[in-house]
Amino acid sequence: AIVNLISNPVNSTVPIAAEVFKRAGTYDPKKLLGVTMLDVVRANTFVAEVLGLDPRDVDVPVVGGHAGITILPLLSQVKPPSSFTPKEIEYLTDRIQNGGTEVVEAKAGAGSATLSMAYAAVKFADACLRALKGESGIIECAYVASQVTELPFFASKVRLGRDGVEEFLPLGPLSDYERESLEKAKKELATSVEKGISFTRQ
């Protein structure tokens, strides 16, 4: 079975789950995935608005983690290839990183992004099910035990298959803005991972 974790804070709950599975002798890093699909859905939607396109025709890789500045949309790698002004890059990055907060504020604290979260969960679960059935070429962003960076857990594009994560796709060329943002994200992410692991030792 593949375990998809969507409970926040994903940056910490995935490391917690990994430690629990390790203690039970059942840990398979290829089959434990943190769901970051909502960040991708938001990124595709907000970028599509700026470009005047249908969100279904836009693909924005979102790497790092699943909270605040750890969410890093790679706008230099948007498909279809697009260019943005520095102002647009800052606006889009901020909006994608703070999409959840925007919803909570819009609901005056009475709720969060329930429908979009459900949509993202179904979309990711469907991708996993198709991969489990043997469909090839299923590539999605997920927060997993990773060797893409020096961090033990990191969200990036992965190829899914019958055994879960079958391949980690490289980050690819980053813009100066993305490289700088990635370093900030990694610092925050390292703290979140350590919090999760420390929690299991209490």
N, C-alpha and C. Protein backbone atom coordinates (compact mmCIF):
# COMPACT_ATOMS: atom_id res chain seq x y z
N ALA A 1 0.83 -1.20 0.00
CA ALA A 1 0.00 0.00 0.00
C ALA A 1 0.87 1.25 0.00
N ILE A 2 0.36 2.29 -0.61
CA ILE A 2 1.02 3.59 -0.57
C ILE A 2 0.29 4.44 0.47
N VAL A 3 1.05 5.09 1.35
CA VAL A 3 0.46 5.96 2.37
C VAL A 3 0.64 7.41 1.92
N ASN A 4 -0.47 8.10 1.73
CA ASN A 4 -0.46 9.52 1.37
C ASN A 4 -0.86 10.33 2.60
N LEU A 5 0.02 11.20 3.06
CA LEU A 5 -0.27 12.02 4.23
C LEU A 5 -0.61 13.44 3.80
N ILE A 6 -1.80 13.89 4.23
CA ILE A 6 -2.24 15.22 3.85
C ILE A 6 -2.45 16.10 5.09
N SER A 7 -2.34 15.49 6.29
CA SER A 7 -2.56 16.23 7.54
C SER A 7 -1.41 17.19 7.81
N ASN A 8 -1.76 18.44 8.06
CA ASN A 8 -0.74 19.44 8.36
C ASN A 8 -0.26 19.36 9.80
N PRO A 9 0.96 19.77 10.08
CA PRO A 9 1.95 20.29 9.13
C PRO A 9 2.69 19.16 8.40
N VAL A 10 2.44 19.03 7.11
CA VAL A 10 3.02 17.94 6.30
C VAL A 10 4.54 17.91 6.41
N ASN A 11 5.16 19.10 6.50
CA ASN A 11 6.62 19.16 6.62
C ASN A 11 7.14 18.38 7.82
N SER A 12 6.30 18.25 8.86
CA SER A 12 6.67 17.52 10.07
C SER A 12 5.97 16.18 10.20
N THR A 13 4.73 16.07 9.71
CA THR A 13 3.98 14.81 9.90
C THR A 13 4.55 13.66 9.08
N VAL A 14 5.13 13.96 7.92
CA VAL A 14 5.75 12.89 7.12
C VAL A 14 6.98 12.33 7.85
N PRO A 15 7.89 13.18 8.36
CA PRO A 15 8.99 12.64 9.17
C PRO A 15 8.51 11.87 10.40
N ILE A 16 7.42 12.33 11.04
CA ILE A 16 6.86 11.61 12.18
C ILE A 16 6.43 10.21 11.75
N ALA A 17 5.67 10.14 10.66
CA ALA A 17 5.19 8.85 10.17
C ALA A 17 6.35 7.93 9.81
N ALA A 18 7.40 8.50 9.21
CA ALA A 18 8.58 7.71 8.84
C ALA A 18 9.20 7.07 10.08
N GLU A 19 9.32 7.85 11.16
CA GLU A 19 9.90 7.33 12.40
C GLU A 19 9.03 6.23 13.01
N VAL A 20 7.72 6.43 12.97
CA VAL A 20 6.78 5.42 13.51
C VAL A 20 6.89 4.12 12.72
N PHE A 21 6.93 4.23 11.39
CA PHE A 21 7.06 3.04 10.55
C PHE A 21 8.40 2.35 10.77
N LYS A 22 9.45 3.14 10.97
CA LYS A 22 10.78 2.55 11.23
C LYS A 22 10.75 1.70 12.49
N ARG A 23 10.12 2.23 13.53
CA ARG A 23 10.06 1.50 14.81
C ARG A 23 9.25 0.22 14.67
N ALA A 24 8.28 0.24 13.76
CA ALA A 24 7.45 -0.95 13.55
C ALA A 24 8.10 -1.92 12.55
N GLY A 25 9.22 -1.49 11.97
CA GLY A 25 9.91 -2.33 10.99
C GLY A 25 9.19 -2.43 9.67
N THR A 26 8.39 -1.40 9.35
CA THR A 26 7.58 -1.45 8.12
C THR A 26 7.82 -0.25 7.20
N TYR A 27 8.90 0.48 7.44
CA TYR A 27 9.12 1.71 6.67
C TYR A 27 9.64 1.43 5.27
N ASP A 28 8.92 1.95 4.29
CA ASP A 28 9.38 1.92 2.91
C ASP A 28 9.30 3.36 2.39
N PRO A 29 10.44 4.04 2.28
CA PRO A 29 10.41 5.46 1.90
C PRO A 29 9.75 5.73 0.55
N LYS A 30 9.71 4.73 -0.32
CA LYS A 30 9.09 4.92 -1.64
C LYS A 30 7.56 4.95 -1.55
N LYS A 31 7.04 4.50 -0.39
CA LYS A 31 5.58 4.37 -0.27
C LYS A 31 4.97 5.31 0.76
N LEU A 32 5.74 6.28 1.23
CA LEU A 32 5.23 7.29 2.15
C LEU A 32 5.36 8.65 1.47
N LEU A 33 4.21 9.24 1.14
CA LEU A 33 4.20 10.49 0.36
C LEU A 33 3.39 11.57 1.06
N GLY A 34 3.99 12.74 1.19
CA GLY A 34 3.26 13.91 1.68
C GLY A 34 2.59 14.59 0.50
N VAL A 35 1.31 14.88 0.64
CA VAL A 35 0.54 15.44 -0.48
C VAL A 35 0.70 16.96 -0.52
N THR A 36 1.33 17.43 -1.58
CA THR A 36 1.51 18.88 -1.78
C THR A 36 0.74 19.36 -3.02
N MET A 37 -0.17 18.52 -3.47
CA MET A 37 -0.92 18.80 -4.70
C MET A 37 -1.67 20.13 -4.64
N LEU A 38 -2.14 20.52 -3.45
CA LEU A 38 -2.89 21.77 -3.35
C LEU A 38 -2.02 22.97 -3.76
N ASP A 39 -0.73 22.90 -3.42
CA ASP A 39 0.18 23.98 -3.83
C ASP A 39 0.29 24.04 -5.36
N VAL A 40 0.32 22.87 -5.98
CA VAL A 40 0.41 22.79 -7.45
C VAL A 40 -0.88 23.32 -8.08
N VAL A 41 -2.02 22.92 -7.52
CA VAL A 41 -3.32 23.37 -8.03
C VAL A 41 -3.41 24.90 -7.95
N ARG A 42 -3.00 25.44 -6.81
CA ARG A 42 -3.02 26.91 -6.65
C ARG A 42 -2.07 27.57 -7.63
N ALA A 43 -0.86 27.02 -7.74
CA ALA A 43 0.13 27.60 -8.65
C ALA A 43 -0.39 27.62 -10.08
N ASN A 44 -0.94 26.49 -10.52
CA ASN A 44 -1.48 26.41 -11.88
C ASN A 44 -2.61 27.43 -12.09
N THR A 45 -3.46 27.57 -11.07
CA THR A 45 -4.60 28.49 -11.16
C THR A 45 -4.16 29.94 -11.22
N PHE A 46 -3.27 30.33 -10.30
CA PHE A 46 -2.85 31.73 -10.23
C PHE A 46 -2.01 32.13 -11.45
N VAL A 47 -1.15 31.22 -11.91
CA VAL A 47 -0.34 31.50 -13.10
C VAL A 47 -1.24 31.60 -14.33
N ALA A 48 -2.23 30.71 -14.41
CA ALA A 48 -3.17 30.74 -15.54
C ALA A 48 -3.93 32.07 -15.58
N GLU A 49 -4.29 32.60 -14.41
CA GLU A 49 -4.97 33.89 -14.35
C GLU A 49 -4.10 35.00 -14.95
N VAL A 50 -2.83 34.99 -14.60
CA VAL A 50 -1.90 36.02 -15.10
C VAL A 50 -1.69 35.87 -16.61
N LEU A 51 -1.63 34.62 -17.07
CA LEU A 51 -1.36 34.37 -18.50
C LEU A 51 -2.61 34.37 -19.36
N GLY A 52 -3.79 34.37 -18.72
CA GLY A 52 -5.04 34.32 -19.47
C GLY A 52 -5.29 32.95 -20.09
N LEU A 53 -4.89 31.89 -19.37
CA LEU A 53 -5.05 30.52 -19.87
C LEU A 53 -5.96 29.71 -18.97
N ASP A 54 -6.33 28.53 -19.44
CA ASP A 54 -7.08 27.56 -18.64
C ASP A 54 -6.07 26.88 -17.70
N PRO A 55 -6.37 26.80 -16.39
CA PRO A 55 -5.43 26.16 -15.45
C PRO A 55 -5.06 24.73 -15.84
N ARG A 56 -5.96 24.05 -16.55
CA ARG A 56 -5.68 22.67 -16.97
C ARG A 56 -4.57 22.60 -18.02
N ASP A 57 -4.29 23.75 -18.64
CA ASP A 57 -3.24 23.80 -19.67
C ASP A 57 -1.91 24.32 -19.13
N VAL A 58 -1.85 24.52 -17.81
CA VAL A 58 -0.65 25.09 -17.19
C VAL A 58 -0.04 24.07 -16.23
N ASP A 59 1.29 24.00 -16.21
CA ASP A 59 1.98 23.10 -15.28
C ASP A 59 3.11 23.87 -14.60
N VAL A 60 2.98 24.03 -13.28
CA VAL A 60 4.00 24.73 -12.50
C VAL A 60 4.61 23.75 -11.50
N PRO A 61 5.89 23.43 -11.62
CA PRO A 61 6.51 22.59 -10.59
C PRO A 61 6.59 23.37 -9.28
N VAL A 62 6.18 22.73 -8.18
CA VAL A 62 6.26 23.36 -6.86
C VAL A 62 7.11 22.45 -5.97
N VAL A 63 8.22 22.98 -5.49
CA VAL A 63 9.17 22.16 -4.73
C VAL A 63 9.34 22.70 -3.32
N GLY A 64 10.09 21.95 -2.50
CA GLY A 64 10.41 22.40 -1.15
C GLY A 64 9.59 21.70 -0.11
N GLY A 65 8.54 22.39 0.36
CA GLY A 65 7.69 21.83 1.40
C GLY A 65 6.24 22.23 1.19
N HIS A 66 5.48 22.25 2.29
CA HIS A 66 4.04 22.50 2.18
C HIS A 66 3.57 23.55 3.20
N ALA A 67 4.41 24.57 3.43
CA ALA A 67 4.00 25.65 4.34
C ALA A 67 4.83 26.89 4.10
N GLY A 68 4.15 28.04 3.98
CA GLY A 68 4.83 29.32 3.90
C GLY A 68 5.97 29.36 2.89
N ILE A 69 7.13 29.85 3.35
CA ILE A 69 8.25 30.05 2.43
C ILE A 69 8.88 28.74 1.95
N THR A 70 8.48 27.61 2.55
CA THR A 70 9.02 26.33 2.05
C THR A 70 8.34 25.94 0.74
N ILE A 71 7.22 26.57 0.42
CA ILE A 71 6.53 26.32 -0.85
C ILE A 71 7.22 27.17 -1.93
N LEU A 72 7.87 26.50 -2.88
CA LEU A 72 8.61 27.26 -3.89
C LEU A 72 8.16 26.89 -5.30
N PRO A 73 7.32 27.74 -5.91
CA PRO A 73 6.93 27.51 -7.30
C PRO A 73 8.08 27.87 -8.24
N LEU A 74 8.41 26.96 -9.14
CA LEU A 74 9.50 27.22 -10.08
C LEU A 74 8.92 27.87 -11.34
N LEU A 75 8.72 29.17 -11.26
CA LEU A 75 8.06 29.91 -12.34
C LEU A 75 8.91 29.98 -13.60
N SER A 76 10.21 29.73 -13.46
CA SER A 76 11.08 29.72 -14.64
C SER A 76 10.87 28.45 -15.48
N GLN A 77 10.15 27.47 -14.89
CA GLN A 77 9.93 26.19 -15.58
C GLN A 77 8.46 25.95 -15.94
N VAL A 78 7.67 27.01 -15.91
CA VAL A 78 6.24 26.88 -16.23
C VAL A 78 6.06 26.34 -17.65
N LYS A 79 5.08 25.47 -17.79
CA LYS A 79 4.66 25.01 -19.12
C LYS A 79 3.23 25.47 -19.33
N PRO A 80 2.91 26.10 -20.47
CA PRO A 80 3.81 26.42 -21.58
C PRO A 80 4.85 27.47 -21.16
N PRO A 81 6.04 27.44 -21.80
CA PRO A 81 7.10 28.38 -21.43
C PRO A 81 6.59 29.82 -21.41
N SER A 82 6.84 30.50 -20.30
CA SER A 82 6.32 31.87 -20.13
C SER A 82 7.37 32.71 -19.42
N SER A 83 7.30 34.00 -19.64
CA SER A 83 8.21 34.89 -18.91
C SER A 83 7.38 35.84 -18.06
N PHE A 84 7.92 36.16 -16.89
CA PHE A 84 7.22 37.03 -15.95
C PHE A 84 8.14 38.17 -15.55
N THR A 85 7.54 39.30 -15.23
CA THR A 85 8.32 40.42 -14.72
C THR A 85 8.71 40.10 -13.27
N PRO A 86 9.75 40.75 -12.75
CA PRO A 86 10.11 40.53 -11.34
C PRO A 86 8.93 40.77 -10.39
N LYS A 87 8.10 41.77 -10.73
CA LYS A 87 6.94 42.07 -9.89
C LYS A 87 5.93 40.92 -9.92
N GLU A 88 5.71 40.35 -11.11
CA GLU A 88 4.78 39.21 -11.24
C GLU A 88 5.31 37.99 -10.50
N ILE A 89 6.62 37.77 -10.56
CA ILE A 89 7.22 36.63 -9.86
C ILE A 89 7.00 36.75 -8.36
N GLU A 90 7.23 37.94 -7.82
CA GLU A 90 7.03 38.16 -6.38
C GLU A 90 5.57 38.00 -6.00
N TYR A 91 4.68 38.58 -6.82
CA TYR A 91 3.24 38.49 -6.56
C TYR A 91 2.78 37.03 -6.57
N LEU A 92 3.15 36.29 -7.62
CA LEU A 92 2.71 34.90 -7.76
C LEU A 92 3.28 34.01 -6.66
N THR A 93 4.56 34.18 -6.38
CA THR A 93 5.19 33.37 -5.34
C THR A 93 4.52 33.59 -4.00
N ASP A 94 4.29 34.86 -3.66
CA ASP A 94 3.65 35.20 -2.39
C ASP A 94 2.23 34.64 -2.33
N ARG A 95 1.50 34.75 -3.43
CA ARG A 95 0.11 34.29 -3.43
C ARG A 95 0.03 32.76 -3.30
N ILE A 96 0.95 32.06 -3.97
CA ILE A 96 0.97 30.60 -3.89
C ILE A 96 1.38 30.15 -2.48
N GLN A 97 2.35 30.83 -1.90
CA GLN A 97 2.80 30.48 -0.55
C GLN A 97 1.75 30.75 0.51
N ASN A 98 0.95 31.77 0.29
CA ASN A 98 -0.02 32.18 1.32
C ASN A 98 -1.47 31.93 0.93
N GLY A 99 -1.67 31.02 -0.03
CA GLY A 99 -3.03 30.71 -0.48
C GLY A 99 -3.93 30.23 0.63
N GLY A 100 -3.39 29.40 1.53
CA GLY A 100 -4.19 28.88 2.64
C GLY A 100 -4.62 29.98 3.58
N THR A 101 -3.72 30.89 3.88
CA THR A 101 -4.02 32.01 4.77
C THR A 101 -5.09 32.91 4.15
N GLU A 102 -4.99 33.09 2.84
CA GLU A 102 -5.97 33.91 2.11
C GLU A 102 -7.38 33.36 2.29
N VAL A 103 -7.51 32.03 2.22
CA VAL A 103 -8.83 31.40 2.37
C VAL A 103 -9.35 31.56 3.79
N VAL A 104 -8.49 31.31 4.77
CA VAL A 104 -8.89 31.44 6.18
C VAL A 104 -9.36 32.86 6.47
N GLU A 105 -8.63 33.84 5.94
CA GLU A 105 -9.02 35.25 6.15
C GLU A 105 -10.33 35.56 5.45
N ALA A 106 -10.53 35.00 4.25
CA ALA A 106 -11.77 35.23 3.51
C ALA A 106 -12.97 34.65 4.25
N LYS A 107 -12.73 33.55 4.99
CA LYS A 107 -13.80 32.91 5.76
C LYS A 107 -13.86 33.44 7.19
N ALA A 108 -13.10 34.50 7.43
CA ALA A 108 -13.05 35.15 8.75
C ALA A 108 -12.75 34.14 9.86
N GLY A 109 -11.86 33.22 9.57
CA GLY A 109 -11.43 32.25 10.57
C GLY A 109 -12.40 31.11 10.81
N ALA A 110 -13.51 31.09 10.07
CA ALA A 110 -14.54 30.07 10.30
C ALA A 110 -14.29 28.78 9.52
N GLY A 111 -13.20 28.70 8.80
CA GLY A 111 -12.92 27.49 8.03
C GLY A 111 -11.66 27.64 7.22
N SER A 112 -11.31 26.58 6.52
CA SER A 112 -10.11 26.63 5.68
C SER A 112 -10.47 26.14 4.27
N ALA A 113 -9.45 25.78 3.51
CA ALA A 113 -9.66 25.44 2.10
C ALA A 113 -10.15 24.00 1.94
N THR A 114 -11.39 23.74 2.36
CA THR A 114 -11.88 22.36 2.38
C THR A 114 -12.12 21.78 0.98
N LEU A 115 -12.79 22.51 0.11
CA LEU A 115 -13.11 21.97 -1.21
C LEU A 115 -11.87 21.81 -2.08
N SER A 116 -11.01 22.83 -2.07
CA SER A 116 -9.79 22.72 -2.89
C SER A 116 -8.87 21.63 -2.35
N MET A 117 -8.85 21.45 -1.03
CA MET A 117 -8.05 20.39 -0.43
C MET A 117 -8.59 19.02 -0.85
N ALA A 118 -9.91 18.89 -0.85
CA ALA A 118 -10.53 17.62 -1.27
C ALA A 118 -10.22 17.34 -2.74
N TYR A 119 -10.29 18.38 -3.56
CA TYR A 119 -9.99 18.22 -4.98
C TYR A 119 -8.54 17.77 -5.17
N ALA A 120 -7.62 18.42 -4.45
CA ALA A 120 -6.20 18.08 -4.55
C ALA A 120 -5.95 16.65 -4.08
N ALA A 121 -6.64 16.25 -3.00
CA ALA A 121 -6.47 14.89 -2.47
C ALA A 121 -6.91 13.84 -3.48
N VAL A 122 -8.07 14.07 -4.09
CA VAL A 122 -8.59 13.13 -5.09
C VAL A 122 -7.68 13.07 -6.31
N LYS A 123 -7.21 14.23 -6.74
CA LYS A 123 -6.33 14.31 -7.91
C LYS A 123 -5.04 13.51 -7.67
N PHE A 124 -4.47 13.66 -6.47
CA PHE A 124 -3.23 12.94 -6.16
C PHE A 124 -3.48 11.45 -5.97
N ALA A 125 -4.56 11.12 -5.27
CA ALA A 125 -4.90 9.70 -5.05
C ALA A 125 -5.14 9.00 -6.39
N ASP A 126 -5.80 9.70 -7.30
CA ASP A 126 -6.06 9.13 -8.63
C ASP A 126 -4.75 8.84 -9.37
N ALA A 127 -3.79 9.76 -9.25
CA ALA A 127 -2.48 9.56 -9.89
C ALA A 127 -1.80 8.33 -9.31
N CYS A 128 -1.88 8.17 -7.99
CA CYS A 128 -1.26 7.00 -7.33
C CYS A 128 -1.94 5.71 -7.76
N LEU A 129 -3.27 5.72 -7.85
CA LEU A 129 -4.01 4.52 -8.26
C LEU A 129 -3.68 4.13 -9.70
N ARG A 130 -3.56 5.13 -10.56
CA ARG A 130 -3.20 4.83 -11.95
C ARG A 130 -1.80 4.24 -12.04
N ALA A 131 -0.90 4.76 -11.21
CA ALA A 131 0.48 4.23 -11.18
C ALA A 131 0.49 2.80 -10.64
N LEU A 132 -0.30 2.55 -9.59
CA LEU A 132 -0.38 1.20 -9.01
C LEU A 132 -0.92 0.19 -10.01
N LYS A 133 -1.79 0.65 -10.89
CA LYS A 133 -2.36 -0.24 -11.91
C LYS A 133 -1.40 -0.48 -13.07
N GLY A 134 -0.27 0.22 -13.06
CA GLY A 134 0.73 -0.02 -14.09
C GLY A 134 0.81 1.02 -15.18
N GLU A 135 0.00 2.09 -15.06
CA GLU A 135 0.09 3.15 -16.06
C GLU A 135 1.45 3.84 -15.96
N SER A 136 2.09 4.09 -17.07
CA SER A 136 3.43 4.68 -17.04
C SER A 136 3.38 6.19 -17.24
N GLY A 137 4.48 6.84 -16.89
CA GLY A 137 4.60 8.28 -17.11
C GLY A 137 3.81 9.14 -16.15
N ILE A 138 3.49 8.62 -14.95
CA ILE A 138 2.76 9.41 -13.96
C ILE A 138 3.77 10.24 -13.16
N ILE A 139 3.76 11.53 -13.38
CA ILE A 139 4.70 12.42 -12.69
C ILE A 139 3.92 13.47 -11.91
N GLU A 140 4.18 13.54 -10.61
CA GLU A 140 3.52 14.50 -9.74
C GLU A 140 4.53 15.05 -8.74
N CYS A 141 4.21 16.18 -8.13
CA CYS A 141 5.02 16.71 -7.05
C CYS A 141 4.56 16.08 -5.73
N ALA A 142 5.51 15.69 -4.89
CA ALA A 142 5.17 15.11 -3.59
C ALA A 142 6.32 15.35 -2.62
N TYR A 143 5.99 15.37 -1.34
CA TYR A 143 6.97 15.58 -0.26
C TYR A 143 7.39 14.21 0.26
N VAL A 144 8.61 13.83 -0.03
CA VAL A 144 9.05 12.45 0.23
C VAL A 144 10.48 12.42 0.78
N ALA A 145 10.87 11.24 1.30
CA ALA A 145 12.27 11.01 1.64
C ALA A 145 13.04 11.13 0.33
N SER A 146 14.00 12.03 0.29
CA SER A 146 14.55 12.45 -1.00
C SER A 146 16.05 12.66 -0.95
N GLN A 147 16.68 12.50 -2.11
CA GLN A 147 18.10 12.80 -2.25
C GLN A 147 18.32 13.95 -3.24
N VAL A 148 17.25 14.65 -3.54
CA VAL A 148 17.34 15.78 -4.47
C VAL A 148 18.17 16.92 -3.87
N THR A 149 18.06 17.11 -2.55
CA THR A 149 18.89 18.08 -1.83
C THR A 149 19.55 17.35 -0.66
N GLU A 150 20.25 18.09 0.17
CA GLU A 150 20.88 17.47 1.35
C GLU A 150 19.87 17.19 2.46
N LEU A 151 18.65 17.69 2.33
CA LEU A 151 17.62 17.47 3.34
C LEU A 151 17.06 16.05 3.24
N PRO A 152 16.67 15.45 4.38
CA PRO A 152 16.13 14.09 4.33
C PRO A 152 14.75 14.00 3.67
N PHE A 153 13.98 15.08 3.73
CA PHE A 153 12.66 15.13 3.10
C PHE A 153 12.56 16.39 2.27
N PHE A 154 11.92 16.26 1.10
CA PHE A 154 11.85 17.40 0.19
C PHE A 154 10.75 17.12 -0.83
N ALA A 155 10.02 18.17 -1.21
CA ALA A 155 8.99 18.03 -2.24
C ALA A 155 9.57 18.38 -3.60
N SER A 156 9.36 17.50 -4.55
CA SER A 156 9.79 17.75 -5.93
C SER A 156 9.00 16.82 -6.84
N LYS A 157 9.25 16.93 -8.13
CA LYS A 157 8.56 16.04 -9.06
C LYS A 157 9.12 14.63 -8.95
N VAL A 158 8.21 13.66 -8.87
CA VAL A 158 8.61 12.25 -8.81
C VAL A 158 7.80 11.46 -9.83
N ARG A 159 8.40 10.37 -10.30
CA ARG A 159 7.66 9.47 -11.18
C ARG A 159 7.12 8.34 -10.33
N LEU A 160 5.80 8.15 -10.41
CA LEU A 160 5.13 7.12 -9.61
C LEU A 160 4.97 5.84 -10.40
N GLY A 161 5.02 4.71 -9.69
CA GLY A 161 4.84 3.41 -10.33
C GLY A 161 4.20 2.43 -9.38
N ARG A 162 4.27 1.16 -9.71
CA ARG A 162 3.64 0.12 -8.88
C ARG A 162 4.21 0.07 -7.46
N ASP A 163 5.46 0.50 -7.30
CA ASP A 163 6.11 0.45 -5.99
C ASP A 163 6.17 1.81 -5.31
N GLY A 164 5.35 2.74 -5.76
CA GLY A 164 5.38 4.08 -5.18
C GLY A 164 6.29 4.99 -5.98
N VAL A 165 7.20 5.67 -5.28
CA VAL A 165 8.13 6.58 -5.97
C VAL A 165 9.19 5.75 -6.69
N GLU A 166 9.25 5.88 -8.00
CA GLU A 166 10.22 5.11 -8.78
C GLU A 166 11.39 5.95 -9.27
N GLU A 167 11.19 7.26 -9.33
CA GLU A 167 12.28 8.12 -9.80
C GLU A 167 12.09 9.54 -9.28
N PHE A 168 13.19 10.16 -8.88
CA PHE A 168 13.18 11.57 -8.49
C PHE A 168 13.65 12.39 -9.67
N LEU A 169 12.83 13.32 -10.11
CA LEU A 169 13.25 14.18 -11.22
C LEU A 169 14.12 15.31 -10.68
N PRO A 170 15.18 15.67 -11.40
CA PRO A 170 16.05 16.76 -10.92
C PRO A 170 15.29 18.09 -10.89
N LEU A 171 15.79 19.01 -10.07
CA LEU A 171 15.16 20.33 -9.97
C LEU A 171 15.25 21.10 -11.28
N GLY A 172 16.28 20.83 -12.05
CA GLY A 172 16.45 21.56 -13.30
C GLY A 172 17.06 22.93 -13.05
N PRO A 173 17.26 23.70 -14.11
CA PRO A 173 17.88 25.03 -13.96
C PRO A 173 16.97 25.99 -13.21
N LEU A 174 17.53 26.68 -12.22
CA LEU A 174 16.76 27.63 -11.42
C LEU A 174 17.20 29.06 -11.73
N SER A 175 16.26 29.98 -11.61
CA SER A 175 16.60 31.40 -11.74
C SER A 175 17.32 31.85 -10.47
N ASP A 176 17.93 33.02 -10.52
CA ASP A 176 18.60 33.56 -9.32
C ASP A 176 17.61 33.71 -8.18
N TYR A 177 16.42 34.18 -8.49
CA TYR A 177 15.38 34.37 -7.47
C TYR A 177 15.02 33.03 -6.83
N GLU A 178 14.90 31.99 -7.65
CA GLU A 178 14.54 30.67 -7.15
C GLU A 178 15.66 30.06 -6.31
N ARG A 179 16.90 30.26 -6.74
CA ARG A 179 18.04 29.73 -5.97
C ARG A 179 18.09 30.37 -4.58
N GLU A 180 17.88 31.67 -4.54
CA GLU A 180 17.89 32.40 -3.27
C GLU A 180 16.72 31.94 -2.39
N SER A 181 15.56 31.80 -2.99
CA SER A 181 14.37 31.36 -2.25
C SER A 181 14.52 29.93 -1.75
N LEU A 182 15.19 29.10 -2.55
CA LEU A 182 15.40 27.70 -2.16
C LEU A 182 16.24 27.60 -0.90
N GLU A 183 17.26 28.43 -0.80
CA GLU A 183 18.12 28.40 0.40
C GLU A 183 17.32 28.78 1.64
N LYS A 184 16.45 29.79 1.51
CA LYS A 184 15.60 30.18 2.64
C LYS A 184 14.63 29.06 2.99
N ALA A 185 14.07 28.45 1.96
CA ALA A 185 13.11 27.35 2.17
C ALA A 185 13.77 26.18 2.89
N LYS A 186 14.99 25.87 2.49
CA LYS A 186 15.69 24.71 3.08
C LYS A 186 15.95 24.90 4.57
N LYS A 187 16.28 26.13 4.96
CA LYS A 187 16.52 26.41 6.39
C LYS A 187 15.25 26.16 7.20
N GLU A 188 14.15 26.69 6.70
CA GLU A 188 12.85 26.52 7.37
C GLU A 188 12.44 25.05 7.39
N LEU A 189 12.66 24.39 6.28
CA LEU A 189 12.28 22.98 6.14
C LEU A 189 13.08 22.09 7.08
N ALA A 190 14.36 22.36 7.21
CA ALA A 190 15.22 21.57 8.11
C ALA A 190 14.69 21.64 9.54
N THR A 191 14.23 22.82 9.95
CA THR A 191 13.67 22.99 11.29
C THR A 191 12.39 22.18 11.45
N SER A 192 11.53 22.20 10.44
CA SER A 192 10.26 21.47 10.49
C SER A 192 10.49 19.96 10.55
N VAL A 193 11.45 19.47 9.78
CA VAL A 193 11.77 18.04 9.78
C VAL A 193 12.27 17.63 11.16
N GLU A 194 13.16 18.43 11.71
CA GLU A 194 13.73 18.11 13.03
C GLU A 194 12.66 18.13 14.11
N LYS A 195 11.70 19.07 13.99
CA LYS A 195 10.59 19.12 14.95
C LYS A 195 9.80 17.82 14.92
N GLY A 196 9.55 17.32 13.72
CA GLY A 196 8.81 16.07 13.58
C GLY A 196 9.54 14.90 14.19
N ILE A 197 10.83 14.79 13.89
CA ILE A 197 11.62 13.68 14.42
C ILE A 197 11.74 13.78 15.94
N SER A 198 11.94 15.00 16.45
CA SER A 198 12.04 15.20 17.90
C SER A 198 10.75 14.82 18.61
N PHE A 199 9.63 15.10 17.96
CA PHE A 199 8.31 14.78 18.54
C PHE A 199 8.20 13.28 18.84
N THR A 200 8.77 12.45 17.98
CA THR A 200 8.66 11.00 18.17
C THR A 200 9.56 10.49 19.29
N ARG A 201 10.44 11.35 19.77
CA ARG A 201 11.37 10.93 20.84
C ARG A 201 10.88 11.34 22.22
N GLN A 202 9.76 12.06 22.27
CA GLN A 202 9.25 12.54 23.56
C GLN A 202 8.64 11.41 24.37
